[in-house]
N, C-alpha and C. Protein backbone atom coordinates (compact mmCIF):
# COMPACT_ATOMS: atom_id res chain seq x y z
N MET A 1 0.85 -1.19 0.00
CA MET A 1 0.00 0.00 0.00
C MET A 1 0.88 1.24 0.00
N CYS A 2 0.55 2.17 -0.82
CA CYS A 2 1.39 3.36 -0.95
C CYS A 2 0.54 4.61 -0.77
N PHE A 3 1.08 5.56 -0.02
CA PHE A 3 0.38 6.82 0.19
C PHE A 3 1.24 7.95 -0.36
N SER A 4 0.60 9.07 -0.62
CA SER A 4 1.29 10.18 -1.25
C SER A 4 0.50 11.45 -1.02
N ALA A 5 1.08 12.56 -1.49
CA ALA A 5 0.35 13.82 -1.42
C ALA A 5 -0.94 13.74 -2.22
N THR A 6 -0.87 13.09 -3.38
CA THR A 6 -2.07 12.95 -4.21
C THR A 6 -3.17 12.18 -3.49
N ALA A 7 -2.78 11.08 -2.81
CA ALA A 7 -3.76 10.30 -2.05
C ALA A 7 -4.38 11.13 -0.95
N SER A 8 -3.57 11.93 -0.26
CA SER A 8 -4.08 12.76 0.82
C SER A 8 -5.03 13.83 0.31
N PHE A 9 -4.65 14.51 -0.78
CA PHE A 9 -5.50 15.56 -1.32
C PHE A 9 -6.80 14.99 -1.89
N THR A 10 -6.72 13.82 -2.53
CA THR A 10 -7.92 13.19 -3.09
C THR A 10 -8.88 12.80 -1.98
N SER A 11 -8.34 12.18 -0.93
CA SER A 11 -9.20 11.79 0.18
C SER A 11 -9.80 13.01 0.86
N ALA A 12 -9.04 14.10 0.95
CA ALA A 12 -9.56 15.33 1.55
C ALA A 12 -10.78 15.83 0.77
N ALA A 13 -10.69 15.81 -0.55
CA ALA A 13 -11.81 16.27 -1.39
C ALA A 13 -13.02 15.36 -1.24
N LEU A 14 -12.79 14.05 -1.22
CA LEU A 14 -13.89 13.10 -1.10
C LEU A 14 -14.59 13.23 0.26
N LEU A 15 -13.80 13.42 1.29
CA LEU A 15 -14.37 13.54 2.63
C LEU A 15 -15.17 14.83 2.79
N ALA A 16 -14.68 15.90 2.18
CA ALA A 16 -15.44 17.15 2.21
C ALA A 16 -16.79 16.97 1.52
N CYS A 17 -16.78 16.23 0.41
CA CYS A 17 -18.03 15.95 -0.30
C CYS A 17 -18.97 15.10 0.55
N ALA A 18 -18.42 14.16 1.32
CA ALA A 18 -19.24 13.31 2.18
C ALA A 18 -19.98 14.14 3.22
N SER A 19 -19.27 15.07 3.85
CA SER A 19 -19.94 15.93 4.83
C SER A 19 -20.97 16.83 4.16
N ALA A 20 -20.64 17.34 2.98
CA ALA A 20 -21.59 18.18 2.26
C ALA A 20 -22.87 17.40 1.96
N LEU A 21 -22.70 16.13 1.58
CA LEU A 21 -23.86 15.29 1.29
C LEU A 21 -24.67 15.05 2.56
N ALA A 22 -23.98 14.80 3.68
CA ALA A 22 -24.69 14.61 4.95
C ALA A 22 -25.49 15.85 5.32
N LEU A 23 -24.94 17.01 5.05
CA LEU A 23 -25.62 18.26 5.40
C LEU A 23 -26.84 18.51 4.53
N THR A 24 -26.87 17.92 3.32
CA THR A 24 -28.05 18.07 2.47
C THR A 24 -29.28 17.39 3.07
N ALA A 25 -29.04 16.46 4.00
CA ALA A 25 -30.16 15.79 4.67
C ALA A 25 -30.77 16.66 5.76
N LYS A 26 -30.23 17.87 5.94
CA LYS A 26 -30.71 18.82 6.93
C LYS A 26 -30.80 18.21 8.33
N PRO A 27 -29.65 17.76 8.86
CA PRO A 27 -29.66 17.12 10.18
C PRO A 27 -30.03 18.09 11.29
N ALA A 28 -30.53 17.55 12.38
CA ALA A 28 -30.80 18.37 13.56
C ALA A 28 -29.50 18.97 14.07
N ARG A 29 -29.62 20.05 14.83
CA ARG A 29 -28.43 20.73 15.33
C ARG A 29 -27.54 19.79 16.14
N SER A 30 -28.17 18.89 16.90
CA SER A 30 -27.39 17.96 17.72
C SER A 30 -26.59 16.96 16.88
N ALA A 31 -27.00 16.77 15.61
CA ALA A 31 -26.31 15.83 14.74
C ALA A 31 -25.23 16.48 13.89
N LEU A 32 -25.11 17.80 13.93
CA LEU A 32 -24.14 18.49 13.09
C LEU A 32 -22.70 18.06 13.36
N PRO A 33 -22.27 17.94 14.63
CA PRO A 33 -20.88 17.50 14.84
C PRO A 33 -20.59 16.15 14.20
N TYR A 34 -21.56 15.23 14.27
CA TYR A 34 -21.35 13.92 13.65
C TYR A 34 -21.27 14.04 12.13
N ALA A 35 -22.11 14.89 11.56
CA ALA A 35 -22.10 15.09 10.10
C ALA A 35 -20.78 15.70 9.63
N LEU A 36 -20.12 16.44 10.48
CA LEU A 36 -18.89 17.14 10.09
C LEU A 36 -17.64 16.28 10.25
N ILE A 37 -17.77 15.08 10.79
CA ILE A 37 -16.59 14.23 10.99
C ILE A 37 -15.80 14.00 9.70
N PRO A 38 -16.45 13.63 8.57
CA PRO A 38 -15.65 13.46 7.34
C PRO A 38 -14.92 14.73 6.92
N LEU A 39 -15.58 15.88 7.02
CA LEU A 39 -14.94 17.14 6.64
C LEU A 39 -13.71 17.40 7.50
N LEU A 40 -13.81 17.15 8.79
CA LEU A 40 -12.68 17.38 9.69
C LEU A 40 -11.54 16.41 9.39
N PHE A 41 -11.87 15.16 9.07
CA PHE A 41 -10.84 14.24 8.61
C PHE A 41 -10.22 14.75 7.30
N GLY A 42 -11.06 15.36 6.46
CA GLY A 42 -10.55 15.90 5.20
C GLY A 42 -9.55 17.02 5.43
N ILE A 43 -9.83 17.89 6.40
CA ILE A 43 -8.87 18.96 6.73
C ILE A 43 -7.56 18.36 7.22
N GLN A 44 -7.67 17.31 8.02
CA GLN A 44 -6.46 16.64 8.51
C GLN A 44 -5.66 16.05 7.35
N GLN A 45 -6.36 15.44 6.39
CA GLN A 45 -5.66 14.88 5.23
C GLN A 45 -5.06 15.97 4.35
N LEU A 46 -5.73 17.12 4.27
CA LEU A 46 -5.17 18.25 3.53
C LEU A 46 -3.83 18.67 4.15
N LEU A 47 -3.79 18.73 5.48
CA LEU A 47 -2.54 19.08 6.16
C LEU A 47 -1.46 18.05 5.86
N GLU A 48 -1.84 16.77 5.86
CA GLU A 48 -0.82 15.75 5.58
C GLU A 48 -0.34 15.83 4.13
N GLY A 49 -1.24 16.18 3.22
CA GLY A 49 -0.79 16.36 1.84
C GLY A 49 0.24 17.47 1.73
N LEU A 50 0.04 18.56 2.47
CA LEU A 50 1.01 19.66 2.48
C LEU A 50 2.32 19.22 3.13
N ILE A 51 2.22 18.37 4.15
CA ILE A 51 3.44 17.84 4.78
C ILE A 51 4.22 17.00 3.77
N TRP A 52 3.50 16.18 2.99
CA TRP A 52 4.16 15.40 1.94
C TRP A 52 4.94 16.33 1.00
N LEU A 53 4.30 17.37 0.53
CA LEU A 53 4.96 18.28 -0.40
C LEU A 53 6.17 18.95 0.25
N LYS A 54 6.02 19.34 1.50
CA LYS A 54 7.12 20.00 2.20
C LYS A 54 8.29 19.05 2.39
N LEU A 55 8.01 17.81 2.77
CA LEU A 55 9.09 16.84 2.98
C LEU A 55 9.80 16.48 1.67
N LYS A 56 9.08 16.60 0.56
CA LYS A 56 9.69 16.31 -0.74
C LYS A 56 10.26 17.57 -1.39
N ASP A 57 10.35 18.65 -0.62
CA ASP A 57 10.99 19.90 -1.08
C ASP A 57 10.28 20.52 -2.26
N HIS A 58 8.97 20.45 -2.27
CA HIS A 58 8.22 21.16 -3.29
C HIS A 58 8.07 22.63 -2.89
N ALA A 59 7.48 23.42 -3.78
CA ALA A 59 7.45 24.87 -3.59
C ALA A 59 6.39 25.29 -2.57
N LEU A 60 6.70 25.06 -1.30
CA LEU A 60 5.83 25.51 -0.22
C LEU A 60 6.67 26.18 0.85
N SER A 61 7.60 27.02 0.40
CA SER A 61 8.55 27.61 1.33
C SER A 61 7.90 28.49 2.38
N CYS A 62 6.72 29.04 2.07
CA CYS A 62 6.06 29.92 3.02
C CYS A 62 5.39 29.16 4.16
N LEU A 63 5.27 27.86 4.00
CA LEU A 63 4.65 27.05 5.03
C LEU A 63 5.72 26.29 5.80
N ALA A 64 5.80 26.52 7.06
CA ALA A 64 6.81 25.85 7.88
C ALA A 64 6.41 24.40 8.11
N GLN A 65 7.36 23.50 7.91
CA GLN A 65 7.08 22.09 8.13
C GLN A 65 6.64 21.83 9.56
N GLY A 66 7.28 22.51 10.50
CA GLY A 66 6.92 22.32 11.90
C GLY A 66 5.49 22.70 12.19
N ALA A 67 5.02 23.81 11.61
CA ALA A 67 3.65 24.26 11.85
C ALA A 67 2.65 23.28 11.26
N LEU A 68 2.93 22.77 10.06
CA LEU A 68 2.05 21.79 9.44
C LEU A 68 1.98 20.52 10.26
N THR A 69 3.15 20.07 10.73
CA THR A 69 3.20 18.84 11.53
C THR A 69 2.44 19.00 12.84
N GLN A 70 2.60 20.15 13.48
CA GLN A 70 1.89 20.36 14.74
C GLN A 70 0.38 20.48 14.51
N GLY A 71 -0.02 21.11 13.40
CA GLY A 71 -1.43 21.19 13.08
C GLY A 71 -2.04 19.82 12.87
N TYR A 72 -1.33 18.98 12.11
CA TYR A 72 -1.78 17.61 11.89
C TYR A 72 -1.85 16.85 13.21
N SER A 73 -0.85 17.05 14.07
CA SER A 73 -0.79 16.33 15.34
C SER A 73 -1.88 16.78 16.30
N LEU A 74 -2.29 18.04 16.20
CA LEU A 74 -3.39 18.50 17.04
C LEU A 74 -4.67 17.74 16.69
N PHE A 75 -4.86 17.46 15.40
CA PHE A 75 -5.99 16.63 15.01
C PHE A 75 -5.81 15.20 15.52
N SER A 76 -4.71 14.57 15.15
CA SER A 76 -4.53 13.14 15.41
C SER A 76 -4.38 12.82 16.89
N GLN A 77 -3.73 13.69 17.66
CA GLN A 77 -3.44 13.40 19.05
C GLN A 77 -4.45 14.01 20.02
N VAL A 78 -4.91 15.22 19.73
CA VAL A 78 -5.67 15.99 20.72
C VAL A 78 -7.16 16.06 20.39
N PHE A 79 -7.49 16.30 19.14
CA PHE A 79 -8.88 16.60 18.77
C PHE A 79 -9.80 15.39 18.81
N TRP A 80 -9.41 14.28 18.17
CA TRP A 80 -10.34 13.17 17.97
C TRP A 80 -10.82 12.49 19.25
N PRO A 81 -9.94 12.22 20.23
CA PRO A 81 -10.46 11.54 21.43
C PRO A 81 -11.46 12.37 22.23
N ALA A 82 -11.45 13.68 22.06
CA ALA A 82 -12.43 14.53 22.73
C ALA A 82 -13.68 14.73 21.87
N PHE A 83 -13.49 14.82 20.55
CA PHE A 83 -14.61 15.17 19.66
C PHE A 83 -15.52 13.99 19.35
N VAL A 84 -14.95 12.81 19.12
CA VAL A 84 -15.77 11.66 18.73
C VAL A 84 -16.83 11.33 19.79
N PRO A 85 -16.46 11.21 21.08
CA PRO A 85 -17.51 10.94 22.08
C PRO A 85 -18.56 12.05 22.15
N LEU A 86 -18.13 13.29 21.97
CA LEU A 86 -19.08 14.40 21.97
C LEU A 86 -20.08 14.26 20.83
N ALA A 87 -19.57 14.03 19.62
CA ALA A 87 -20.44 13.91 18.44
C ALA A 87 -21.39 12.73 18.57
N VAL A 88 -20.89 11.62 19.07
CA VAL A 88 -21.71 10.42 19.24
C VAL A 88 -22.72 10.62 20.38
N GLY A 89 -22.26 11.22 21.47
CA GLY A 89 -23.14 11.42 22.61
C GLY A 89 -24.31 12.33 22.31
N LEU A 90 -24.11 13.33 21.47
CA LEU A 90 -25.20 14.25 21.12
C LEU A 90 -26.30 13.57 20.32
N LEU A 91 -25.99 12.43 19.71
CA LEU A 91 -27.00 11.68 18.95
C LEU A 91 -27.84 10.78 19.84
N GLU A 92 -27.32 10.49 21.04
CA GLU A 92 -27.88 9.43 21.87
C GLU A 92 -29.12 9.86 22.64
N THR A 93 -30.14 8.99 22.64
CA THR A 93 -31.37 9.25 23.38
C THR A 93 -31.59 8.26 24.52
N VAL A 94 -30.84 7.17 24.53
CA VAL A 94 -30.97 6.17 25.60
C VAL A 94 -30.08 6.60 26.76
N ALA A 95 -30.68 6.76 27.92
CA ALA A 95 -29.97 7.39 29.05
C ALA A 95 -28.70 6.66 29.44
N TRP A 96 -28.77 5.34 29.65
CA TRP A 96 -27.56 4.64 30.13
C TRP A 96 -26.45 4.66 29.08
N ARG A 97 -26.84 4.60 27.81
CA ARG A 97 -25.83 4.67 26.76
C ARG A 97 -25.18 6.06 26.72
N ARG A 98 -26.01 7.09 26.91
CA ARG A 98 -25.47 8.45 26.91
C ARG A 98 -24.48 8.64 28.05
N TRP A 99 -24.80 8.10 29.24
CA TRP A 99 -23.87 8.21 30.36
C TRP A 99 -22.58 7.44 30.10
N ALA A 100 -22.69 6.26 29.48
CA ALA A 100 -21.49 5.47 29.17
C ALA A 100 -20.62 6.20 28.14
N ILE A 101 -21.26 6.80 27.16
CA ILE A 101 -20.51 7.57 26.15
C ILE A 101 -19.85 8.78 26.79
N MET A 102 -20.56 9.41 27.74
CA MET A 102 -19.97 10.55 28.45
C MET A 102 -18.74 10.13 29.24
N ALA A 103 -18.77 8.92 29.81
CA ALA A 103 -17.60 8.41 30.53
C ALA A 103 -16.42 8.24 29.58
N CYS A 104 -16.70 7.73 28.38
CA CYS A 104 -15.65 7.62 27.37
C CYS A 104 -15.14 9.01 26.99
N GLY A 105 -16.07 9.97 26.93
CA GLY A 105 -15.68 11.34 26.61
C GLY A 105 -14.77 11.93 27.67
N LEU A 106 -15.02 11.60 28.93
CA LEU A 106 -14.16 12.08 30.01
C LEU A 106 -12.76 11.50 29.85
N ALA A 107 -12.69 10.21 29.52
CA ALA A 107 -11.38 9.59 29.27
C ALA A 107 -10.69 10.28 28.09
N GLY A 108 -11.47 10.59 27.07
CA GLY A 108 -10.91 11.27 25.90
C GLY A 108 -10.40 12.65 26.23
N LEU A 109 -11.14 13.37 27.07
CA LEU A 109 -10.69 14.71 27.46
C LEU A 109 -9.40 14.65 28.26
N VAL A 110 -9.29 13.67 29.14
CA VAL A 110 -8.07 13.51 29.93
C VAL A 110 -6.87 13.24 29.02
N VAL A 111 -7.02 12.29 28.09
CA VAL A 111 -5.89 11.96 27.22
C VAL A 111 -5.60 13.11 26.26
N SER A 112 -6.62 13.85 25.83
CA SER A 112 -6.39 14.99 24.96
C SER A 112 -5.54 16.05 25.65
N MET A 113 -5.88 16.36 26.91
CA MET A 113 -5.11 17.36 27.65
C MET A 113 -3.68 16.88 27.91
N TYR A 114 -3.55 15.59 28.21
CA TYR A 114 -2.21 15.03 28.43
C TYR A 114 -1.36 15.11 27.17
N LEU A 115 -1.93 14.71 26.04
CA LEU A 115 -1.18 14.73 24.79
C LEU A 115 -0.90 16.15 24.32
N LEU A 116 -1.82 17.07 24.59
CA LEU A 116 -1.57 18.47 24.26
C LEU A 116 -0.37 19.00 25.05
N ALA A 117 -0.31 18.68 26.35
CA ALA A 117 0.83 19.10 27.16
C ALA A 117 2.11 18.49 26.64
N ALA A 118 2.05 17.21 26.21
CA ALA A 118 3.23 16.54 25.67
C ALA A 118 3.69 17.20 24.38
N LEU A 119 2.72 17.58 23.52
CA LEU A 119 3.06 18.24 22.26
C LEU A 119 3.72 19.60 22.50
N LEU A 120 3.23 20.31 23.50
CA LEU A 120 3.80 21.63 23.80
C LEU A 120 5.22 21.52 24.36
N GLN A 121 5.48 20.43 25.07
CA GLN A 121 6.81 20.24 25.65
C GLN A 121 7.81 19.71 24.62
N VAL A 122 7.37 18.70 23.85
CA VAL A 122 8.25 18.08 22.84
C VAL A 122 7.47 18.00 21.53
N PRO A 123 7.66 18.96 20.62
CA PRO A 123 6.92 18.97 19.36
C PRO A 123 7.14 17.68 18.55
N VAL A 124 6.10 17.26 17.85
CA VAL A 124 6.18 16.09 16.98
C VAL A 124 7.01 16.43 15.75
N THR A 125 7.78 15.47 15.28
CA THR A 125 8.55 15.64 14.04
C THR A 125 8.03 14.66 12.99
N ALA A 126 8.18 15.02 11.73
CA ALA A 126 7.72 14.17 10.63
C ALA A 126 8.87 13.90 9.67
N GLN A 127 8.97 12.64 9.24
CA GLN A 127 10.00 12.24 8.29
C GLN A 127 9.41 11.27 7.27
N LEU A 128 9.92 11.36 6.05
CA LEU A 128 9.53 10.38 5.04
C LEU A 128 10.35 9.12 5.23
N GLN A 129 9.66 7.99 5.21
CA GLN A 129 10.34 6.71 5.27
C GLN A 129 9.64 5.75 4.33
N GLY A 130 10.28 5.49 3.19
CA GLY A 130 9.63 4.69 2.17
C GLY A 130 8.47 5.46 1.58
N SER A 131 7.31 4.83 1.56
CA SER A 131 6.12 5.47 0.99
C SER A 131 5.16 5.95 2.06
N HIS A 132 5.69 6.24 3.25
CA HIS A 132 4.86 6.67 4.36
C HIS A 132 5.56 7.80 5.14
N ILE A 133 4.79 8.47 5.96
CA ILE A 133 5.34 9.50 6.84
C ILE A 133 5.40 8.93 8.25
N VAL A 134 6.53 9.09 8.89
CA VAL A 134 6.71 8.68 10.29
C VAL A 134 6.60 9.91 11.17
N TYR A 135 5.67 9.89 12.12
CA TYR A 135 5.55 10.96 13.10
C TYR A 135 6.17 10.48 14.40
N SER A 136 7.16 11.24 14.88
CA SER A 136 7.89 10.83 16.07
C SER A 136 7.59 11.78 17.23
N PHE A 137 7.26 11.20 18.37
CA PHE A 137 7.06 12.00 19.57
C PHE A 137 7.51 11.16 20.77
N ASN A 138 7.78 11.83 21.85
CA ASN A 138 8.32 11.16 23.02
C ASN A 138 7.57 11.63 24.26
N HIS A 139 6.82 10.72 24.85
CA HIS A 139 6.17 11.04 26.12
C HIS A 139 6.04 9.77 26.95
N SER A 140 5.92 9.94 28.25
CA SER A 140 5.80 8.80 29.14
C SER A 140 4.35 8.31 29.18
N HIS A 141 4.15 7.15 29.81
CA HIS A 141 2.81 6.57 29.96
C HIS A 141 2.14 6.36 28.60
N ALA A 142 2.91 5.95 27.61
CA ALA A 142 2.37 5.79 26.26
C ALA A 142 1.26 4.75 26.21
N MET A 143 1.41 3.64 26.95
CA MET A 143 0.40 2.59 26.91
C MET A 143 -0.91 3.08 27.51
N THR A 144 -0.85 3.76 28.66
CA THR A 144 -2.07 4.29 29.29
C THR A 144 -2.76 5.29 28.37
N ALA A 145 -1.97 6.19 27.78
CA ALA A 145 -2.54 7.18 26.87
C ALA A 145 -3.20 6.51 25.67
N SER A 146 -2.57 5.47 25.14
CA SER A 146 -3.13 4.76 23.99
C SER A 146 -4.45 4.09 24.34
N LEU A 147 -4.52 3.47 25.51
CA LEU A 147 -5.75 2.80 25.93
C LEU A 147 -6.90 3.80 26.12
N LEU A 148 -6.61 4.93 26.73
CA LEU A 148 -7.63 5.96 26.91
C LEU A 148 -8.07 6.52 25.57
N TYR A 149 -7.12 6.68 24.66
CA TYR A 149 -7.43 7.19 23.31
C TYR A 149 -8.39 6.24 22.61
N LEU A 150 -8.08 4.94 22.64
CA LEU A 150 -8.92 3.95 21.97
C LEU A 150 -10.29 3.86 22.63
N LEU A 151 -10.33 3.98 23.96
CA LEU A 151 -11.61 3.95 24.67
C LEU A 151 -12.50 5.09 24.19
N ALA A 152 -11.92 6.27 24.04
CA ALA A 152 -12.71 7.43 23.63
C ALA A 152 -13.12 7.36 22.18
N SER A 153 -12.19 7.05 21.30
CA SER A 153 -12.45 7.16 19.87
C SER A 153 -13.13 5.94 19.27
N CYS A 154 -12.94 4.76 19.87
CA CYS A 154 -13.52 3.53 19.32
C CYS A 154 -14.69 3.00 20.15
N ALA A 155 -14.56 3.00 21.48
CA ALA A 155 -15.61 2.42 22.32
C ALA A 155 -16.86 3.29 22.33
N SER A 156 -16.70 4.62 22.27
CA SER A 156 -17.88 5.48 22.35
C SER A 156 -18.88 5.22 21.22
N PRO A 157 -18.46 5.11 19.96
CA PRO A 157 -19.45 4.79 18.92
C PRO A 157 -20.02 3.38 19.05
N LEU A 158 -19.23 2.45 19.60
CA LEU A 158 -19.72 1.09 19.78
C LEU A 158 -20.84 1.03 20.82
N LEU A 159 -20.92 2.02 21.69
CA LEU A 159 -21.95 2.07 22.71
C LEU A 159 -23.25 2.70 22.22
N SER A 160 -23.26 3.23 21.02
CA SER A 160 -24.43 3.93 20.49
C SER A 160 -25.61 3.00 20.28
N SER A 161 -26.81 3.54 20.40
CA SER A 161 -28.02 2.77 20.08
C SER A 161 -28.30 2.76 18.59
N HIS A 162 -27.57 3.56 17.81
CA HIS A 162 -27.74 3.63 16.36
C HIS A 162 -26.79 2.65 15.68
N GLY A 163 -27.34 1.73 14.93
CA GLY A 163 -26.52 0.71 14.28
C GLY A 163 -25.46 1.27 13.35
N SER A 164 -25.81 2.32 12.61
CA SER A 164 -24.84 2.90 11.68
C SER A 164 -23.68 3.54 12.42
N VAL A 165 -23.94 4.07 13.63
CA VAL A 165 -22.86 4.65 14.44
C VAL A 165 -21.98 3.54 15.00
N ARG A 166 -22.60 2.42 15.40
CA ARG A 166 -21.80 1.28 15.87
C ARG A 166 -20.93 0.75 14.74
N LEU A 167 -21.45 0.78 13.52
CA LEU A 167 -20.66 0.35 12.37
C LEU A 167 -19.44 1.25 12.21
N PHE A 168 -19.62 2.55 12.44
CA PHE A 168 -18.50 3.48 12.42
C PHE A 168 -17.46 3.09 13.47
N GLY A 169 -17.92 2.67 14.66
CA GLY A 169 -17.00 2.22 15.70
C GLY A 169 -16.26 0.96 15.30
N VAL A 170 -16.97 0.03 14.67
CA VAL A 170 -16.31 -1.19 14.19
C VAL A 170 -15.23 -0.85 13.18
N ALA A 171 -15.54 0.08 12.27
CA ALA A 171 -14.56 0.51 11.27
C ALA A 171 -13.33 1.12 11.93
N ALA A 172 -13.54 1.90 13.00
CA ALA A 172 -12.42 2.50 13.72
C ALA A 172 -11.53 1.42 14.33
N VAL A 173 -12.15 0.39 14.93
CA VAL A 173 -11.38 -0.70 15.54
C VAL A 173 -10.62 -1.49 14.47
N VAL A 174 -11.30 -1.81 13.38
CA VAL A 174 -10.67 -2.61 12.31
C VAL A 174 -9.50 -1.87 11.68
N THR A 175 -9.70 -0.59 11.38
CA THR A 175 -8.61 0.18 10.75
C THR A 175 -7.44 0.36 11.72
N ALA A 176 -7.72 0.50 13.02
CA ALA A 176 -6.65 0.60 14.01
C ALA A 176 -5.85 -0.70 14.05
N ALA A 177 -6.55 -1.83 14.01
CA ALA A 177 -5.88 -3.13 14.04
C ALA A 177 -5.02 -3.34 12.80
N ILE A 178 -5.57 -2.99 11.64
CA ILE A 178 -4.80 -3.14 10.39
C ILE A 178 -3.55 -2.26 10.42
N ALA A 179 -3.72 -1.01 10.84
CA ALA A 179 -2.59 -0.09 10.87
C ALA A 179 -1.52 -0.56 11.85
N TYR A 180 -1.94 -1.10 12.99
CA TYR A 180 -0.97 -1.54 14.01
C TYR A 180 -0.25 -2.81 13.58
N LEU A 181 -1.00 -3.77 13.04
CA LEU A 181 -0.42 -5.07 12.70
C LEU A 181 0.45 -5.03 11.45
N ILE A 182 0.11 -4.17 10.50
CA ILE A 182 0.83 -4.17 9.22
C ILE A 182 1.72 -2.94 9.07
N PHE A 183 1.32 -1.82 9.63
CA PHE A 183 2.05 -0.57 9.43
C PHE A 183 2.43 0.08 10.77
N GLN A 184 2.93 -0.74 11.70
CA GLN A 184 3.13 -0.24 13.06
C GLN A 184 4.04 0.98 13.12
N LEU A 185 5.12 0.99 12.34
CA LEU A 185 6.05 2.10 12.36
C LEU A 185 5.39 3.40 11.90
N TRP A 186 4.43 3.27 11.00
CA TRP A 186 3.75 4.44 10.44
C TRP A 186 2.30 4.52 10.94
N PHE A 187 2.06 4.01 12.14
CA PHE A 187 0.70 3.81 12.65
C PHE A 187 -0.14 5.07 12.58
N ILE A 188 0.38 6.19 13.06
CA ILE A 188 -0.42 7.42 13.14
C ILE A 188 -0.91 7.83 11.76
N SER A 189 0.01 7.89 10.80
CA SER A 189 -0.34 8.33 9.45
C SER A 189 -1.33 7.38 8.79
N VAL A 190 -1.05 6.07 8.89
CA VAL A 190 -1.88 5.08 8.19
C VAL A 190 -3.26 4.98 8.84
N TRP A 191 -3.33 4.95 10.17
CA TRP A 191 -4.64 4.84 10.80
C TRP A 191 -5.50 6.06 10.50
N CYS A 192 -4.90 7.24 10.57
CA CYS A 192 -5.68 8.44 10.28
C CYS A 192 -6.19 8.43 8.85
N TYR A 193 -5.37 7.94 7.93
CA TYR A 193 -5.79 7.87 6.53
C TYR A 193 -6.95 6.89 6.36
N LEU A 194 -6.79 5.67 6.91
CA LEU A 194 -7.83 4.66 6.77
C LEU A 194 -9.11 5.06 7.51
N ALA A 195 -8.94 5.57 8.73
CA ALA A 195 -10.12 5.99 9.49
C ALA A 195 -10.84 7.14 8.79
N GLY A 196 -10.07 8.02 8.17
CA GLY A 196 -10.67 9.11 7.41
C GLY A 196 -11.55 8.58 6.30
N LEU A 197 -11.04 7.63 5.53
CA LEU A 197 -11.83 7.06 4.45
C LEU A 197 -13.07 6.36 4.99
N MET A 198 -12.92 5.63 6.11
CA MET A 198 -14.04 4.91 6.68
C MET A 198 -15.08 5.84 7.30
N SER A 199 -14.69 7.09 7.55
CA SER A 199 -15.66 8.02 8.15
C SER A 199 -16.81 8.33 7.19
N GLY A 200 -16.68 7.92 5.95
CA GLY A 200 -17.81 8.05 5.02
C GLY A 200 -19.03 7.28 5.50
N ILE A 201 -18.82 6.33 6.44
CA ILE A 201 -19.92 5.57 7.03
C ILE A 201 -20.90 6.50 7.73
N VAL A 202 -20.42 7.66 8.13
CA VAL A 202 -21.28 8.67 8.78
C VAL A 202 -22.53 8.93 7.94
N LEU A 203 -22.40 8.86 6.63
CA LEU A 203 -23.53 9.14 5.74
C LEU A 203 -24.72 8.23 6.01
N LEU A 204 -24.46 6.99 6.46
CA LEU A 204 -25.55 6.05 6.69
C LEU A 204 -26.54 6.57 7.73
N HIS A 205 -26.06 7.37 8.65
CA HIS A 205 -26.94 7.86 9.70
C HIS A 205 -27.97 8.86 9.18
N PHE A 206 -27.66 9.50 8.07
CA PHE A 206 -28.50 10.61 7.61
C PHE A 206 -29.42 10.24 6.45
N PHE A 207 -29.33 9.00 5.98
CA PHE A 207 -30.16 8.58 4.85
C PHE A 207 -30.89 7.30 5.21
N PRO A 208 -32.19 7.40 5.51
CA PRO A 208 -32.98 6.26 6.00
C PRO A 208 -32.90 5.02 5.12
N ARG A 209 -32.89 5.20 3.80
CA ARG A 209 -32.85 4.03 2.92
C ARG A 209 -31.55 3.26 3.11
N ALA A 210 -30.44 3.99 3.30
CA ALA A 210 -29.16 3.32 3.54
C ALA A 210 -29.17 2.63 4.90
N LYS A 211 -29.75 3.29 5.90
CA LYS A 211 -29.81 2.72 7.24
C LYS A 211 -30.62 1.42 7.23
N ALA A 212 -31.64 1.36 6.38
CA ALA A 212 -32.51 0.19 6.35
C ALA A 212 -31.75 -1.07 5.95
N LEU A 213 -30.67 -0.91 5.19
CA LEU A 213 -29.88 -2.06 4.78
C LEU A 213 -29.24 -2.74 5.98
N PHE A 214 -29.04 -2.01 7.06
CA PHE A 214 -28.36 -2.55 8.23
C PHE A 214 -29.31 -2.85 9.38
N LYS A 215 -30.62 -2.67 9.15
CA LYS A 215 -31.56 -2.74 10.25
C LYS A 215 -31.57 -4.12 10.93
N GLY A 216 -31.57 -5.17 10.12
CA GLY A 216 -31.62 -6.49 10.70
C GLY A 216 -30.36 -6.86 11.47
N THR A 217 -29.21 -6.47 10.91
CA THR A 217 -27.94 -6.85 11.53
C THR A 217 -27.57 -5.99 12.70
N TRP A 218 -27.82 -4.66 12.56
CA TRP A 218 -27.31 -3.71 13.57
C TRP A 218 -28.40 -3.18 14.49
N ARG A 219 -29.67 -3.56 14.23
CA ARG A 219 -30.77 -3.11 15.09
C ARG A 219 -30.77 -1.60 15.29
N ILE A 220 -30.86 -0.91 14.21
CA ILE A 220 -30.80 0.55 14.24
C ILE A 220 -32.04 1.09 14.93
N ALA A 221 -31.81 2.01 15.90
CA ALA A 221 -32.92 2.61 16.62
C ALA A 221 -33.53 3.72 15.77
C-alpha cells in the first residue's frame, strides 16, 4: 500500500463531499458534529498532503514544516479523542448509553489534555520513510494514553443505540488493528488515513434508505 500527497488531497476532497452530502439531509443541530466528521478528517488529510509536499521539497517555502506537523498532530493526538464521544453522545437518546458515552468522553478529554501538554513540551517531528510518513514523539505513559485514546475514539461509537454509528465504531477498531499489525512504524499516518476514508460511514446515519440495509444486523434505533 502506498500513500502520497495525491492520495491525501484526493481523500480530503472526497471527505469534504461526504460531509456536504450529509448536510443536504438537513440534520438536527445535535447531529451536526457527527455530520462534520468526514470534513474534519478531510482537513487533517489536507494538512498531511502539504506535509508530503514539504518533505519532498516542493514549492511551499512559506509554510513551515513544523507548523504543518503540529497542526496535523493536534488533530490526530488531541482533537479526535475529545470530539468523537461528543459527536456520538449528542446523537444518543438512551440514558444509560449516553452516560457510558460521556464516561468515554471524560477519558478522551483527559488523554487529549495530556497529549496536548506533551506536544507543547516536545513537538512532533515528521519524516519520510519509504512510501509513508513517520511521526515521532516522546512522552511517558504511552500505553495508558493509547488505551484511553482507543476507549474514547472507538468504544464510544460502539456504545451507540444507532446501528450505523456502531458500524463506524467497528470501522475504527478494524482500521486501528490493520494499521498496528501491518504498518506499526507508520501507525499514526496510516490509521488516520484509513479511518478518514471509513468516516464516510457517517452518511448512513442521515439517509434512512441506507440505514434500512443494516436494520436487521445492527438493530438501528
